[in-house]
Amino acid sequence: MLAELYTVRIPKEIRVKMRKYFHINWSEVIRRAIIQKIEEEERKEDIRKAIQIMDSIRLKVLKEQGAAKDYDSSEVIRYWREKLS
């Protein structure tokens, strides 16, 4: 894996405290924090996509079933459970 160099500026007070814990691999700590943040953002993105898909399915069902007052979502759920089983 080819590594890229990324420079981070931190306050001097933080750097002084970091030196106190010289046994810690700070580069690895920063790498892991970046990876964790990226994974968190990807999960959020996946959730947004899932919501869009669910909304499009809901709109499709509403168009097919009609948006009547007596609309029963449990019937739709049963329908899809049976269809997917």
Protein backbone atom coordinates (compact mmCIF):
# COMPACT_ATOMS: atom_id res chain seq x y z
CA MET A 1 0.00 0.00 0.00
CA LEU A 2 1.44 3.32 -1.06
CA ALA A 3 1.10 5.84 1.75
CA GLU A 4 0.32 9.52 1.39
CA LEU A 5 1.72 12.15 3.70
CA TYR A 6 -0.82 14.34 5.50
CA THR A 7 0.32 17.08 7.86
CA VAL A 8 -1.73 18.07 10.89
CA ARG A 9 -1.22 21.19 12.98
CA ILE A 10 -1.91 20.91 16.68
CA PRO A 11 -1.60 23.44 19.50
CA LYS A 12 1.75 23.51 21.27
CA GLU A 13 0.12 22.53 24.58
CA ILE A 14 -1.21 19.34 23.01
CA ARG A 15 2.20 18.50 21.54
CA VAL A 16 3.81 18.94 24.97
CA LYS A 17 1.26 16.54 26.47
CA MET A 18 1.83 14.07 23.63
CA ARG A 19 5.56 14.01 24.36
CA LYS A 20 4.75 12.93 27.91
CA TYR A 21 3.33 9.72 26.43
CA PHE A 22 6.20 8.99 24.05
CA HIS A 23 5.40 5.27 24.04
CA ILE A 24 2.17 5.93 22.11
CA ASN A 25 2.36 5.75 18.33
CA TRP A 26 0.52 9.02 17.64
CA SER A 27 0.57 8.48 13.88
CA GLU A 28 -1.35 5.25 14.38
CA VAL A 29 -3.81 6.96 16.74
CA ILE A 30 -4.49 9.63 14.12
CA ARG A 31 -4.75 7.02 11.33
CA ARG A 32 -7.31 5.02 13.31
CA ALA A 33 -9.31 8.16 14.14
CA ILE A 34 -9.44 9.08 10.44
CA ILE A 35 -10.50 5.57 9.44
CA GLN A 36 -13.16 5.54 12.15
CA LYS A 37 -14.54 8.90 10.98
CA ILE A 38 -14.60 7.73 7.35
CA GLU A 39 -16.47 4.54 8.33
CA GLU A 40 -18.94 6.61 10.35
CA GLU A 41 -19.60 8.90 7.37
CA GLU A 42 -19.99 5.89 5.05
CA ARG A 43 -22.57 4.40 7.43
CA LYS A 44 -24.47 7.70 7.40
CA GLU A 45 -24.33 7.69 3.60
CA ASP A 46 -25.63 4.10 3.50
CA ILE A 47 -28.49 5.07 5.80
CA ARG A 48 -29.38 8.03 3.57
CA LYS A 49 -29.41 5.74 0.54
CA ALA A 50 -31.59 3.20 2.37
CA ILE A 51 -34.03 5.95 3.34
CA GLN A 52 -34.23 7.08 -0.29
CA ILE A 53 -34.93 3.51 -1.42
CA MET A 54 -37.57 3.05 1.27
CA ASP A 55 -39.20 6.35 0.30
CA SER A 56 -39.29 5.37 -3.36
CA ILE A 57 -40.84 2.00 -2.46
CA ARG A 58 -43.40 3.74 -0.25
CA LEU A 59 -44.32 6.14 -3.06
CA LYS A 60 -44.60 3.26 -5.52
CA VAL A 61 -46.89 1.36 -3.14
CA LEU A 62 -48.99 4.45 -2.53
CA LYS A 63 -49.39 4.92 -6.29
CA GLU A 64 -50.35 1.27 -6.75
CA GLN A 65 -52.58 1.02 -3.69
CA GLY A 66 -53.85 4.56 -3.78
CA ALA A 67 -53.48 7.07 -1.00
CA ALA A 68 -56.91 6.32 0.44
CA LYS A 69 -57.80 7.02 4.05
CA ASP A 70 -58.30 3.32 4.69
CA TYR A 71 -54.73 2.50 3.64
CA ASP A 72 -53.36 -0.25 5.88
CA SER A 73 -49.58 -0.50 5.88
CA SER A 74 -49.71 -3.88 7.63
CA GLU A 75 -51.35 -5.34 4.51
CA VAL A 76 -48.50 -4.04 2.41
CA ILE A 77 -45.96 -5.49 4.84
CA ARG A 78 -47.69 -8.89 4.74
CA TYR A 79 -47.79 -8.72 0.94
CA TRP A 80 -44.04 -8.09 0.67
CA ARG A 81 -43.17 -10.69 3.33
CA GLU A 82 -45.14 -13.32 1.45
CA LYS A 83 -43.70 -12.25 -1.88
CA LEU A 84 -40.12 -12.36 -0.61
CA SER A 85 -40.51 -15.66 1.28
